Amino acid sequence: MTRALSLAIVLVAFLSGCSRSAPANVAATVNGRPITFPELDKQYQSQFAASDRSSDDQVTIQKLEVLRTLVDNEIMLQRAEKMGLMAVDADVDAKFNELKAPYTQEEFQKQLNARKMTQEDLKAQLRRDLSVQKLFNKEITSQINITDRDIADFYGGNKASFDLAEPQIHMAQILVTPAPDPNVHNLKNDKAQNDDQARKKIENLYARIKQGEDFAMLAQNYSEDANSSQAGGDLGFIPESALEKANAELRRTVMALQSGETTNVIRTAEGYRILKVITKEPAGQRDLTDPKVQQTIRETLINRKDQLLKAAYYEVARNEAKVVNYFANQITAGHDTKK
């Protein structure tokens, strides 16, 4: 065999390998299952507002972040599939009808349009979300056990926090900022890059809250508050006077809410917020025998443990999955050719 023929065979094999390693229109694969560029573009459009101020590099960074989320979602979905935990049609239809119930057909369609989704898109997302929720319930939540001793120990170490010198409000928040903070580590690694993106993101989250999605889970996944996102947005108990000092209008808004209700989107100096009132408590010392105290402590401890285990579960799942990010490979290859 001549040297030229040998070289030709090597080149053919190499090019064939490249075509196999970079399938047409595929942004990434998870255990061989593709995530296509149309899927990536659609998800990107639903999360980020189009802006002439976004440079090509900014758009590429954002798409890489969105793709990372899609990869994580696919990893979890495949785990749910493997364990026989996929949501069935009855589950999806029940959740869909629950979300649709508070709205007229026109209002519901507007909600979908705001998220650039069809009804079929929403049902597909619900199937994925419900399946992953089943996975987390089985693998994580059902394994968490908070004992009476755990509650008593927490109360003993934090007794002063249950002695309210004035009426206080137990609150949670979702914060979205116009500038990404490197100290923020929400579960989806999702951060707005400018004001347009921040506004679109918070409006999207508000629509999902109104459609019945869990506030704490959305905060864990998307909030950009470094101090509260990992705790489901929990801000703890805030004195009424602190609200007054911060913003009198904000205090009036919060005081008008009942337990479990949320504000509309609020623009503040830091960015965009949605606040939730968990409970309102009068002044005075709360004893450990108070059922509300026990429930608050139990929920706090469960939430902390839940976040710890989920963060670790994501890392283990990523390590065990075979992920090929063709989009990232294309970017680095393009960069190398320009050197």
C-alpha atoms as a PDB file:
ATOM      1  CA  MET A   1       0.000   0.000   0.000  1.00  0.00           C
ATOM      2  CA  THR A   2       1.408   3.382  -1.025  1.00  0.00           C
ATOM      3  CA  ARG A   3       1.979   6.147   1.492  1.00  0.00           C
ATOM      4  CA  ALA A   4      -0.545   8.389  -0.329  1.00  0.00           C
ATOM      5  CA  LEU A   5      -3.224   5.674  -0.221  1.00  0.00           C
ATOM      6  CA  SER A   6      -2.530   5.048   3.459  1.00  0.00           C
ATOM      7  CA  LEU A   7      -2.860   8.749   4.165  1.00  0.00           C
ATOM      8  CA  ALA A   8      -6.133   8.878   2.215  1.00  0.00           C
ATOM      9  CA  ILE A   9      -7.555   5.987   4.237  1.00  0.00           C
ATOM     10  CA  VAL A  10      -6.538   7.685   7.464  1.00  0.00           C
ATOM     11  CA  LEU A  11      -8.188  10.947   6.369  1.00  0.00           C
ATOM     12  CA  VAL A  12     -11.417   9.180   5.382  1.00  0.00           C
ATOM     13  CA  ALA A  13     -11.508   7.419   8.738  1.00  0.00           C
ATOM     14  CA  PHE A  14     -10.815  10.678  10.526  1.00  0.00           C
ATOM     15  CA  LEU A  15     -13.524  12.587   8.647  1.00  0.00           C
ATOM     16  CA  SER A  16     -16.009   9.771   9.188  1.00  0.00           C
ATOM     17  CA  GLY A  17     -15.195   9.858  12.873  1.00  0.00           C
ATOM     18  CA  CYS A  18     -15.732  13.624  12.924  1.00  0.00           C
ATOM     19  CA  SER A  19     -19.137  13.308  11.277  1.00  0.00           C
ATOM     20  CA  ARG A  20     -20.149  10.683  13.803  1.00  0.00           C
ATOM     21  CA  SER A  21     -18.862  12.754  16.697  1.00  0.00           C
ATOM     22  CA  ALA A  22     -20.653  15.888  15.494  1.00  0.00           C
ATOM     23  CA  PRO A  23     -24.117  14.892  14.182  1.00  0.00           C
ATOM     24  CA  ALA A  24     -25.927  17.467  12.081  1.00  0.00           C
ATOM     25  CA  ASN A  25     -28.004  19.957  14.061  1.00  0.00           C
ATOM     26  CA  VAL A  26     -27.147  18.370  17.431  1.00  0.00           C
ATOM     27  CA  ALA A  27     -25.972  20.695  20.212  1.00  0.00           C
ATOM     28  CA  ALA A  28     -25.217  17.945  22.729  1.00  0.00           C
ATOM     29  CA  THR A  29     -25.926  14.333  23.555  1.00  0.00           C
ATOM     30  CA  VAL A  30     -26.690  12.772  26.921  1.00  0.00           C
ATOM     31  CA  ASN A  31     -25.974   9.047  26.946  1.00  0.00           C
ATOM     32  CA  GLY A  32     -26.400   9.127  23.183  1.00  0.00           C
ATOM     33  CA  ARG A  33     -29.735  10.980  23.237  1.00  0.00           C
ATOM     34  CA  PRO A  34     -29.558  14.256  21.257  1.00  0.00           C
ATOM     35  CA  ILE A  35     -30.434  17.791  22.296  1.00  0.00           C
ATOM     36  CA  THR A  36     -30.866  19.652  19.009  1.00  0.00           C
ATOM     37  CA  PHE A  37     -30.040  23.237  18.146  1.00  0.00           C
ATOM     38  CA  PRO A  38     -33.749  23.992  17.460  1.00  0.00           C
ATOM     39  CA  GLU A  39     -34.518  22.820  21.028  1.00  0.00           C
ATOM     40  CA  LEU A  40     -31.710  24.999  22.356  1.00  0.00           C
ATOM     41  CA  ASP A  41     -32.838  28.033  20.355  1.00  0.00           C
ATOM     42  CA  LYS A  42     -36.440  27.636  21.468  1.00  0.00           C
ATOM     43  CA  GLN A  43     -35.458  27.417  25.125  1.00  0.00           C
ATOM     44  CA  TYR A  44     -33.103  30.367  24.721  1.00  0.00           C
ATOM     45  CA  GLN A  45     -35.847  32.519  23.204  1.00  0.00           C
ATOM     46  CA  SER A  46     -38.203  31.660  26.067  1.00  0.00           C
ATOM     47  CA  GLN A  47     -35.639  32.768  28.663  1.00  0.00           C
ATOM     48  CA  PHE A  48     -33.864  35.737  27.144  1.00  0.00           C
ATOM     49  CA  ALA A  49     -35.363  38.822  25.554  1.00  0.00           C
ATOM     50  CA  ALA A  50     -33.922  39.772  22.221  1.00  0.00           C
ATOM     51  CA  SER A  51     -31.671  42.778  22.673  1.00  0.00           C
ATOM     52  CA  ASP A  52     -29.525  44.692  20.202  1.00  0.00           C
ATOM     53  CA  ARG A  53     -27.195  45.409  23.120  1.00  0.00           C
ATOM     54  CA  SER A  54     -26.294  41.739  23.512  1.00  0.00           C
ATOM     55  CA  SER A  55     -22.991  41.029  21.826  1.00  0.00           C
ATOM     56  CA  ASP A  56     -22.379  37.786  19.956  1.00  0.00           C
ATOM     57  CA  ASP A  57     -20.193  36.622  22.835  1.00  0.00           C
ATOM     58  CA  GLN A  58     -22.937  37.384  25.378  1.00  0.00           C
ATOM     59  CA  VAL A  59     -25.490  35.420  23.351  1.00  0.00           C
ATOM     60  CA  THR A  60     -23.101  32.487  23.069  1.00  0.00           C
ATOM     61  CA  ILE A  61     -22.461  32.481  26.833  1.00  0.00           C
ATOM     62  CA  GLN A  62     -26.195  32.557  27.489  1.00  0.00           C
ATOM     63  CA  LYS A  63     -26.798  29.681  25.089  1.00  0.00           C
ATOM     64  CA  LEU A  64     -24.098  27.639  26.795  1.00  0.00           C
ATOM     65  CA  GLU A  65     -25.852  28.237  30.129  1.00  0.00           C
ATOM     66  CA  VAL A  66     -29.216  27.237  28.670  1.00  0.00           C
ATOM     67  CA  LEU A  67     -27.669  24.122  27.148  1.00  0.00           C
ATOM     68  CA  ARG A  68     -26.175  23.193  30.531  1.00  0.00           C
ATOM     69  CA  THR A  69     -29.690  23.348  31.996  1.00  0.00           C
ATOM     70  CA  LEU A  70     -31.110  21.234  29.163  1.00  0.00           C
ATOM     71  CA  VAL A  71     -28.351  18.673  29.709  1.00  0.00           C
ATOM     72  CA  ASP A  72     -29.053  18.515  33.450  1.00  0.00           C
ATOM     73  CA  ASN A  73     -32.775  18.147  32.782  1.00  0.00           C
ATOM     74  CA  GLU A  74     -32.130  15.339  30.309  1.00  0.00           C
ATOM     75  CA  ILE A  75     -29.855  13.537  32.778  1.00  0.00           C
ATOM     76  CA  MET A  76     -32.587  13.612  35.423  1.00  0.00           C
ATOM     77  CA  LEU A  77     -35.306  12.661  32.948  1.00  0.00           C
ATOM     78  CA  GLN A  78     -33.344   9.610  31.834  1.00  0.00           C
ATOM     79  CA  ARG A  79     -32.890   8.591  35.464  1.00  0.00           C
ATOM     80  CA  ALA A  80     -36.631   8.887  36.043  1.00  0.00           C
ATOM     81  CA  GLU A  81     -37.236   6.870  32.876  1.00  0.00           C
ATOM     82  CA  LYS A  82     -34.827   4.137  33.950  1.00  0.00           C
ATOM     83  CA  MET A  83     -36.527   3.852  37.364  1.00  0.00           C
ATOM     84  CA  GLY A  84     -40.034   3.680  35.880  1.00  0.00           C
ATOM     85  CA  LEU A  85     -41.029   7.055  37.349  1.00  0.00           C
ATOM     86  CA  MET A  86     -42.241   8.803  34.203  1.00  0.00           C
ATOM     87  CA  ALA A  87     -45.453  10.778  34.620  1.00  0.00           C
ATOM     88  CA  VAL A  88     -48.421   9.215  32.826  1.00  0.00           C
ATOM     89  CA  ASP A  89     -50.996  11.050  30.717  1.00  0.00           C
ATOM     90  CA  ALA A  90     -53.419  11.251  33.643  1.00  0.00           C
ATOM     91  CA  ASP A  91     -50.779  13.027  35.751  1.00  0.00           C
ATOM     92  CA  VAL A  92     -50.017  15.507  32.986  1.00  0.00           C
ATOM     93  CA  ASP A  93     -53.680  16.215  32.168  1.00  0.00           C
ATOM     94  CA  ALA A  94     -54.550  16.722  35.844  1.00  0.00           C
ATOM     95  CA  LYS A  95     -51.706  19.227  36.317  1.00  0.00           C
ATOM     96  CA  PHE A  96     -52.500  20.959  33.032  1.00  0.00           C
ATOM     97  CA  ASN A  97     -56.150  21.419  33.990  1.00  0.00           C
ATOM     98  CA  GLU A  98     -55.117  22.635  37.443  1.00  0.00           C
ATOM     99  CA  LEU A  99     -52.905  25.326  35.914  1.00  0.00           C
ATOM    100  CA  LYS A 100     -55.548  26.292  33.385  1.00  0.00           C
ATOM    101  CA  ALA A 101     -58.483  26.465  35.812  1.00  0.00           C
ATOM    102  CA  PRO A 102     -57.997  30.034  37.182  1.00  0.00           C
ATOM    103  CA  TYR A 103     -57.947  31.571  33.679  1.00  0.00           C
ATOM    104  CA  THR A 104     -60.279  32.124  30.765  1.00  0.00           C
ATOM    105  CA  GLN A 105     -59.141  30.522  27.514  1.00  0.00           C
ATOM    106  CA  GLU A 106     -57.890  33.906  26.295  1.00  0.00           C
ATOM    107  CA  GLU A 107     -56.006  34.645  29.512  1.00  0.00           C
ATOM    108  CA  PHE A 108     -54.423  31.216  29.516  1.00  0.00           C
ATOM    109  CA  GLN A 109     -53.306  31.640  25.913  1.00  0.00           C
ATOM    110  CA  LYS A 110     -51.731  34.982  26.821  1.00  0.00           C
ATOM    111  CA  GLN A 111     -49.787  33.251  29.588  1.00  0.00           C
ATOM    112  CA  LEU A 112     -48.526  30.692  27.078  1.00  0.00           C
ATOM    113  CA  ASN A 113     -47.676  33.383  24.534  1.00  0.00           C
ATOM    114  CA  ALA A 114     -45.660  35.252  27.161  1.00  0.00           C
ATOM    115  CA  ARG A 115     -43.555  32.118  27.592  1.00  0.00           C
ATOM    116  CA  LYS A 116     -43.503  31.440  23.819  1.00  0.00           C
ATOM    117  CA  MET A 117     -45.133  28.071  24.368  1.00  0.00           C
ATOM    118  CA  THR A 118     -47.980  26.075  22.841  1.00  0.00           C
ATOM    119  CA  GLN A 119     -50.268  23.851  24.899  1.00  0.00           C
ATOM    120  CA  GLU A 120     -48.313  20.872  23.601  1.00  0.00           C
ATOM    121  CA  ASP A 121     -45.070  22.516  24.753  1.00  0.00           C
ATOM    122  CA  LEU A 122     -46.516  23.054  28.218  1.00  0.00           C
ATOM    123  CA  LYS A 123     -47.726  19.473  28.479  1.00  0.00           C
ATOM    124  CA  ALA A 124     -44.304  18.197  27.414  1.00  0.00           C
ATOM    125  CA  GLN A 125     -42.661  20.377  30.053  1.00  0.00           C
ATOM    126  CA  LEU A 126     -45.146  19.204  32.681  1.00  0.00           C
ATOM    127  CA  ARG A 127     -44.377  15.588  31.851  1.00  0.00           C
ATOM    128  CA  ARG A 128     -40.657  16.248  32.289  1.00  0.00           C
ATOM    129  CA  ASP A 129     -41.124  18.268  35.492  1.00  0.00           C
ATOM    130  CA  LEU A 130     -43.524  15.779  37.087  1.00  0.00           C
ATOM    131  CA  SER A 131     -41.234  12.886  36.199  1.00  0.00           C
ATOM    132  CA  VAL A 132     -38.182  14.575  37.724  1.00  0.00           C
ATOM    133  CA  GLN A 133     -40.280  15.520  40.761  1.00  0.00           C
ATOM    134  CA  LYS A 134     -41.154  11.839  41.208  1.00  0.00           C
ATOM    135  CA  LEU A 135     -37.461  11.022  40.955  1.00  0.00           C
ATOM    136  CA  PHE A 136     -36.516  13.570  43.614  1.00  0.00           C
ATOM    137  CA  ASN A 137     -39.343  12.457  45.885  1.00  0.00           C
ATOM    138  CA  LYS A 138     -38.149   8.855  45.726  1.00  0.00           C
ATOM    139  CA  GLU A 139     -34.405   9.425  45.799  1.00  0.00           C
ATOM    140  CA  ILE A 140     -34.187  12.448  48.109  1.00  0.00           C
ATOM    141  CA  THR A 141     -37.281  13.826  49.832  1.00  0.00           C
ATOM    142  CA  SER A 142     -38.594  10.472  51.060  1.00  0.00           C
ATOM    143  CA  GLN A 143     -35.168   9.719  52.539  1.00  0.00           C
ATOM    144  CA  ILE A 144     -35.073  12.829  54.741  1.00  0.00           C
ATOM    145  CA  ASN A 145     -35.929  12.171  58.374  1.00  0.00           C
ATOM    146  CA  ILE A 146     -36.157  15.057  60.847  1.00  0.00           C
ATOM    147  CA  THR A 147     -36.447  13.837  64.439  1.00  0.00           C
ATOM    148  CA  ASP A 148     -37.901  15.549  67.498  1.00  0.00           C
ATOM    149  CA  ARG A 149     -34.328  15.769  68.794  1.00  0.00           C
ATOM    150  CA  ASP A 150     -33.272  17.620  65.626  1.00  0.00           C
ATOM    151  CA  ILE A 151     -36.077  20.113  66.171  1.00  0.00           C
ATOM    152  CA  ALA A 152     -35.276  20.565  69.859  1.00  0.00           C
ATOM    153  CA  ASP A 153     -31.584  21.074  69.127  1.00  0.00           C
ATOM    154  CA  PHE A 154     -32.349  23.689  66.497  1.00  0.00           C
ATOM    155  CA  TYR A 155     -34.722  25.507  68.856  1.00  0.00           C
ATOM    156  CA  GLY A 156     -32.134  25.442  71.637  1.00  0.00           C
ATOM    157  CA  GLY A 157     -29.514  26.959  69.389  1.00  0.00           C
ATOM    158  CA  ASN A 158     -31.833  29.579  67.929  1.00  0.00           C
ATOM    159  CA  LYS A 159     -34.242  30.332  70.796  1.00  0.00           C
ATOM    160  CA  ALA A 160     -33.664  34.081  70.558  1.00  0.00           C
ATOM    161  CA  SER A 161     -34.931  34.098  66.976  1.00  0.00           C
ATOM    162  CA  PHE A 162     -38.320  32.889  68.267  1.00  0.00           C
ATOM    163  CA  ASP A 163     -38.583  35.797  70.726  1.00  0.00           C
ATOM    164  CA  LEU A 164     -40.221  38.473  68.613  1.00  0.00           C
ATOM    165  CA  ALA A 165     -39.820  41.988  70.010  1.00  0.00           C
ATOM    166  CA  GLU A 166     -42.377  43.208  67.488  1.00  0.00           C
ATOM    167  CA  PRO A 167     -44.695  41.676  64.908  1.00  0.00           C
ATOM    168  CA  GLN A 168     -42.684  39.931  62.230  1.00  0.00           C
ATOM    169  CA  ILE A 169     -43.318  38.437  58.827  1.00  0.00           C
ATOM    170  CA  HIS A 170     -41.762  35.197  57.650  1.00  0.00           C
ATOM    171  CA  MET A 171     -40.939  35.893  54.010  1.00  0.00           C
ATOM    172  CA  ALA A 172     -39.301  34.403  50.940  1.00  0.00           C
ATOM    173  CA  GLN A 173     -38.184  36.028  47.722  1.00  0.00           C
ATOM    174  CA  ILE A 174     -37.080  35.446  44.166  1.00  0.00           C
ATOM    175  CA  LEU A 175     -34.555  38.034  42.988  1.00  0.00           C
ATOM    176  CA  VAL A 176     -33.347  38.578  39.429  1.00  0.00           C
ATOM    177  CA  THR A 177     -30.565  41.083  38.836  1.00  0.00           C
ATOM    178  CA  PRO A 178     -29.510  42.864  35.624  1.00  0.00           C
ATOM    179  CA  ALA A 179     -25.830  42.006  36.196  1.00  0.00           C
ATOM    180  CA  PRO A 180     -24.638  38.428  36.885  1.00  0.00           C
ATOM    181  CA  ASP A 181     -23.074  37.846  40.308  1.00  0.00           C
ATOM    182  CA  PRO A 182     -20.313  35.183  40.435  1.00  0.00           C
ATOM    183  CA  ASN A 183     -21.320  34.421  44.033  1.00  0.00           C
ATOM    184  CA  VAL A 184     -24.796  33.266  42.959  1.00  0.00           C
ATOM    185  CA  HIS A 185     -25.135  29.508  42.578  1.00  0.00           C
ATOM    186  CA  ASN A 186     -28.750  28.570  41.865  1.00  0.00           C
ATOM    187  CA  LEU A 187     -29.433  24.987  40.809  1.00  0.00           C
ATOM    188  CA  LYS A 188     -29.882  25.869  37.140  1.00  0.00           C
ATOM    189  CA  ASN A 189     -26.873  28.231  37.053  1.00  0.00           C
ATOM    190  CA  ASP A 190     -29.297  30.668  35.432  1.00  0.00           C
ATOM    191  CA  LYS A 191     -28.394  34.373  35.537  1.00  0.00           C
ATOM    192  CA  ALA A 192     -29.705  37.356  33.586  1.00  0.00           C
ATOM    193  CA  GLN A 193     -27.044  39.380  31.778  1.00  0.00           C
ATOM    194  CA  ASN A 194     -28.809  42.741  31.434  1.00  0.00           C
ATOM    195  CA  ASP A 195     -32.010  44.563  32.391  1.00  0.00           C
ATOM    196  CA  ASP A 196     -34.051  43.292  29.443  1.00  0.00           C
ATOM    197  CA  GLN A 197     -33.172  39.703  30.258  1.00  0.00           C
ATOM    198  CA  ALA A 198     -33.814  40.251  33.979  1.00  0.00           C
ATOM    199  CA  ARG A 199     -37.269  41.677  33.310  1.00  0.00           C
ATOM    200  CA  LYS A 200     -38.201  38.876  30.923  1.00  0.00           C
ATOM    201  CA  LYS A 201     -36.895  36.239  33.323  1.00  0.00           C
ATOM    202  CA  ILE A 202     -38.813  37.574  36.345  1.00  0.00           C
ATOM    203  CA  GLU A 203     -42.014  37.894  34.311  1.00  0.00           C
ATOM    204  CA  ASN A 204     -41.603  34.298  33.188  1.00  0.00           C
ATOM    205  CA  LEU A 205     -41.123  33.163  36.795  1.00  0.00           C
ATOM    206  CA  TYR A 206     -44.139  35.191  37.933  1.00  0.00           C
ATOM    207  CA  ALA A 207     -46.289  33.507  35.277  1.00  0.00           C
ATOM    208  CA  ARG A 208     -45.105  30.095  36.487  1.00  0.00           C
ATOM    209  CA  ILE A 209     -45.947  30.993  40.096  1.00  0.00           C
ATOM    210  CA  LYS A 210     -49.429  32.110  39.037  1.00  0.00           C
ATOM    211  CA  GLN A 211     -49.819  28.804  37.212  1.00  0.00           C
ATOM    212  CA  GLY A 212     -49.223  26.949  40.465  1.00  0.00           C
ATOM    213  CA  GLU A 213     -45.531  26.019  40.370  1.00  0.00           C
ATOM    214  CA  ASP A 214     -43.762  25.751  43.707  1.00  0.00           C
ATOM    215  CA  PHE A 215     -42.253  29.070  44.826  1.00  0.00           C
ATOM    216  CA  ALA A 216     -39.380  27.485  46.774  1.00  0.00           C
ATOM    217  CA  MET A 217     -38.361  25.231  43.888  1.00  0.00           C
ATOM    218  CA  LEU A 218     -38.364  28.147  41.442  1.00  0.00           C
ATOM    219  CA  ALA A 219     -36.256  30.154  43.891  1.00  0.00           C
ATOM    220  CA  GLN A 220     -33.778  27.292  44.261  1.00  0.00           C
ATOM    221  CA  ASN A 221     -33.516  26.899  40.507  1.00  0.00           C
ATOM    222  CA  TYR A 222     -33.514  30.509  39.324  1.00  0.00           C
ATOM    223  CA  SER A 223     -33.238  33.156  42.087  1.00  0.00           C
ATOM    224  CA  GLU A 224     -30.134  35.329  41.918  1.00  0.00           C
ATOM    225  CA  ASP A 225     -29.948  36.134  45.631  1.00  0.00           C
ATOM    226  CA  ALA A 226     -26.710  34.592  46.899  1.00  0.00           C
ATOM    227  CA  ASN A 227     -28.026  34.509  50.483  1.00  0.00           C
ATOM    228  CA  SER A 228     -31.417  32.866  49.985  1.00  0.00           C
ATOM    229  CA  SER A 229     -31.653  30.987  46.679  1.00  0.00           C
ATOM    230  CA  GLN A 230     -30.305  27.715  48.080  1.00  0.00           C
ATOM    231  CA  ALA A 231     -32.869  27.919  50.903  1.00  0.00           C
ATOM    232  CA  GLY A 232     -35.780  28.230  48.494  1.00  0.00           C
ATOM    233  CA  GLY A 233     -35.745  32.019  48.801  1.00  0.00           C
ATOM    234  CA  ASP A 234     -36.403  31.890  52.565  1.00  0.00           C
ATOM    235  CA  LEU A 235     -35.542  35.253  54.176  1.00  0.00           C
ATOM    236  CA  GLY A 236     -36.563  34.239  57.697  1.00  0.00           C
ATOM    237  CA  PHE A 237     -38.578  36.536  59.975  1.00  0.00           C
ATOM    238  CA  ILE A 238     -38.454  40.243  59.130  1.00  0.00           C
ATOM    239  CA  PRO A 239     -39.677  42.892  61.633  1.00  0.00           C
ATOM    240  CA  GLU A 240     -42.399  45.217  60.379  1.00  0.00           C
ATOM    241  CA  SER A 241     -40.195  48.198  61.230  1.00  0.00           C
ATOM    242  CA  ALA A 242     -37.469  46.903  58.907  1.00  0.00           C
ATOM    243  CA  LEU A 243     -39.950  46.870  56.049  1.00  0.00           C
ATOM    244  CA  GLU A 244     -40.989  50.420  56.892  1.00  0.00           C
ATOM    245  CA  LYS A 245     -37.385  51.615  56.843  1.00  0.00           C
ATOM    246  CA  ALA A 246     -36.683  49.860  53.576  1.00  0.00           C
ATOM    247  CA  ASN A 247     -39.726  51.141  51.721  1.00  0.00           C
ATOM    248  CA  ALA A 248     -43.065  52.356  53.075  1.00  0.00           C
ATOM    249  CA  GLU A 249     -44.905  51.329  49.914  1.00  0.00           C
ATOM    250  CA  LEU A 250     -43.328  47.881  50.088  1.00  0.00           C
ATOM    251  CA  ARG A 251     -44.483  47.519  53.693  1.00  0.00           C
ATOM    252  CA  ARG A 252     -48.056  48.380  52.722  1.00  0.00           C
ATOM    253  CA  THR A 253     -47.931  45.874  49.872  1.00  0.00           C
ATOM    254  CA  VAL A 254     -46.619  43.078  52.070  1.00  0.00           C
ATOM    255  CA  MET A 255     -48.958  43.832  54.971  1.00  0.00           C
ATOM    256  CA  ALA A 256     -51.933  43.541  52.618  1.00  0.00           C
ATOM    257  CA  LEU A 257     -51.006  39.953  51.740  1.00  0.00           C
ATOM    258  CA  GLN A 258     -52.322  36.863  53.487  1.00  0.00           C
ATOM    259  CA  SER A 259     -50.085  33.920  54.403  1.00  0.00           C
ATOM    260  CA  GLY A 260     -49.141  32.019  51.264  1.00  0.00           C
ATOM    261  CA  GLU A 261     -49.728  34.956  48.892  1.00  0.00           C
ATOM    262  CA  THR A 262     -47.120  36.642  46.704  1.00  0.00           C
ATOM    263  CA  THR A 263     -46.560  40.182  45.453  1.00  0.00           C
ATOM    264  CA  ASN A 264     -46.529  41.173  41.827  1.00  0.00           C
ATOM    265  CA  VAL A 265     -43.119  41.802  40.267  1.00  0.00           C
ATOM    266  CA  ILE A 266     -41.427  44.626  42.197  1.00  0.00           C
ATOM    267  CA  ARG A 267     -38.614  46.769  40.752  1.00  0.00           C
ATOM    268  CA  THR A 268     -35.949  47.626  43.362  1.00  0.00           C
ATOM    269  CA  ALA A 269     -32.411  49.038  43.287  1.00  0.00           C
ATOM    270  CA  GLU A 270     -30.924  45.527  43.167  1.00  0.00           C
ATOM    271  CA  GLY A 271     -33.197  44.255  40.416  1.00  0.00           C
ATOM    272  CA  TYR A 272     -36.608  42.585  40.152  1.00  0.00           C
ATOM    273  CA  ARG A 273     -38.251  40.781  43.070  1.00  0.00           C
ATOM    274  CA  ILE A 274     -41.241  38.623  43.857  1.00  0.00           C
ATOM    275  CA  LEU A 275     -41.930  38.364  47.587  1.00  0.00           C
ATOM    276  CA  LYS A 276     -43.979  35.695  49.336  1.00  0.00           C
ATOM    277  CA  VAL A 277     -45.521  35.921  52.793  1.00  0.00           C
ATOM    278  CA  ILE A 278     -45.137  32.561  54.505  1.00  0.00           C
ATOM    279  CA  THR A 279     -46.613  33.507  57.901  1.00  0.00           C
ATOM    280  CA  LYS A 280     -47.241  36.586  60.031  1.00  0.00           C
ATOM    281  CA  GLU A 281     -46.361  36.399  63.714  1.00  0.00           C
ATOM    282  CA  PRO A 282     -47.287  38.700  66.634  1.00  0.00           C
ATOM    283  CA  ALA A 283     -44.661  39.856  69.162  1.00  0.00           C
ATOM    284  CA  GLY A 284     -43.511  37.607  72.047  1.00  0.00           C
ATOM    285  CA  GLN A 285     -41.517  34.476  72.817  1.00  0.00           C
ATOM    286  CA  ARG A 286     -42.514  31.355  70.927  1.00  0.00           C
ATOM    287  CA  ASP A 287     -42.171  28.159  72.909  1.00  0.00           C
ATOM    288  CA  LEU A 288     -41.028  24.835  71.470  1.00  0.00           C
ATOM    289  CA  THR A 289     -44.444  23.377  72.289  1.00  0.00           C
ATOM    290  CA  ASP A 290     -46.013  25.771  69.785  1.00  0.00           C
ATOM    291  CA  PRO A 291     -46.997  23.671  66.721  1.00  0.00           C
ATOM    292  CA  LYS A 292     -46.125  26.605  64.444  1.00  0.00           C
ATOM    293  CA  VAL A 293     -42.617  26.727  65.869  1.00  0.00           C
ATOM    294  CA  GLN A 294     -42.143  23.009  65.353  1.00  0.00           C
ATOM    295  CA  GLN A 295     -43.514  23.204  61.825  1.00  0.00           C
ATOM    296  CA  THR A 296     -41.271  26.161  60.963  1.00  0.00           C
ATOM    297  CA  ILE A 297     -38.187  24.374  62.281  1.00  0.00           C
ATOM    298  CA  ARG A 298     -39.109  21.113  60.563  1.00  0.00           C
ATOM    299  CA  GLU A 299     -39.595  22.865  57.222  1.00  0.00           C
ATOM    300  CA  THR A 300     -36.319  24.749  57.640  1.00  0.00           C
ATOM    301  CA  LEU A 301     -34.368  21.590  58.393  1.00  0.00           C
ATOM    302  CA  ILE A 302     -36.043  19.623  55.595  1.00  0.00           C
ATOM    303  CA  ASN A 303     -35.332  22.422  53.139  1.00  0.00           C
ATOM    304  CA  ARG A 304     -31.671  22.615  54.140  1.00  0.00           C
ATOM    305  CA  LYS A 305     -31.195  18.877  53.853  1.00  0.00           C
ATOM    306  CA  ASP A 306     -33.165  18.754  50.614  1.00  0.00           C
ATOM    307  CA  GLN A 307     -30.939  21.382  48.996  1.00  0.00           C
ATOM    308  CA  LEU A 308     -27.757  19.695  50.160  1.00  0.00           C
ATOM    309  CA  LEU A 309     -28.837  16.298  48.845  1.00  0.00           C
ATOM    310  CA  LYS A 310     -30.105  17.704  45.536  1.00  0.00           C
ATOM    311  CA  ALA A 311     -26.865  19.571  44.900  1.00  0.00           C
ATOM    312  CA  ALA A 312     -24.877  16.389  45.588  1.00  0.00           C
ATOM    313  CA  TYR A 313     -27.317  14.280  43.533  1.00  0.00           C
ATOM    314  CA  TYR A 314     -26.859  16.556  40.515  1.00  0.00           C
ATOM    315  CA  GLU A 315     -23.078  16.255  40.755  1.00  0.00           C
ATOM    316  CA  VAL A 316     -23.168  12.456  41.034  1.00  0.00           C
ATOM    317  CA  ALA A 317     -25.618  12.201  38.135  1.00  0.00           C
ATOM    318  CA  ARG A 318     -23.424  14.406  35.934  1.00  0.00           C
ATOM    319  CA  ASN A 319     -20.387  12.301  36.763  1.00  0.00           C
ATOM    320  CA  GLU A 320     -22.187   9.100  35.804  1.00  0.00           C
ATOM    321  CA  ALA A 321     -23.691  10.420  32.570  1.00  0.00           C
ATOM    322  CA  LYS A 322     -21.908  10.442  29.228  1.00  0.00           C
ATOM    323  CA  VAL A 323     -22.337  13.983  27.951  1.00  0.00           C
ATOM    324  CA  VAL A 324     -20.890  15.339  24.713  1.00  0.00           C
ATOM    325  CA  ASN A 325     -21.286  19.098  24.262  1.00  0.00           C
ATOM    326  CA  TYR A 326     -20.847  19.625  20.518  1.00  0.00           C
ATOM    327  CA  PHE A 327     -21.781  23.294  20.780  1.00  0.00           C
ATOM    328  CA  ALA A 328     -18.933  23.946  23.224  1.00  0.00           C
ATOM    329  CA  ASN A 329     -16.597  21.899  21.021  1.00  0.00           C
ATOM    330  CA  GLN A 330     -17.512  24.044  18.006  1.00  0.00           C
ATOM    331  CA  ILE A 331     -16.798  27.224  19.962  1.00  0.00           C
ATOM    332  CA  THR A 332     -13.379  26.072  21.153  1.00  0.00           C
ATOM    333  CA  ALA A 333     -12.512  24.702  17.705  1.00  0.00           C
ATOM    334  CA  GLY A 334     -13.472  28.018  16.103  1.00  0.00           C
ATOM    335  CA  HIS A 335     -11.362  29.872  18.661  1.00  0.00           C
ATOM    336  CA  ASP A 336      -8.363  27.641  17.959  1.00  0.00           C
ATOM    337  CA  THR A 337      -8.565  28.276  14.204  1.00  0.00           C
ATOM    338  CA  LYS A 338      -8.389  32.027  14.792  1.00  0.00           C
ATOM    339  CA  LYS A 339      -5.155  31.857  16.775  1.00  0.00           C
END
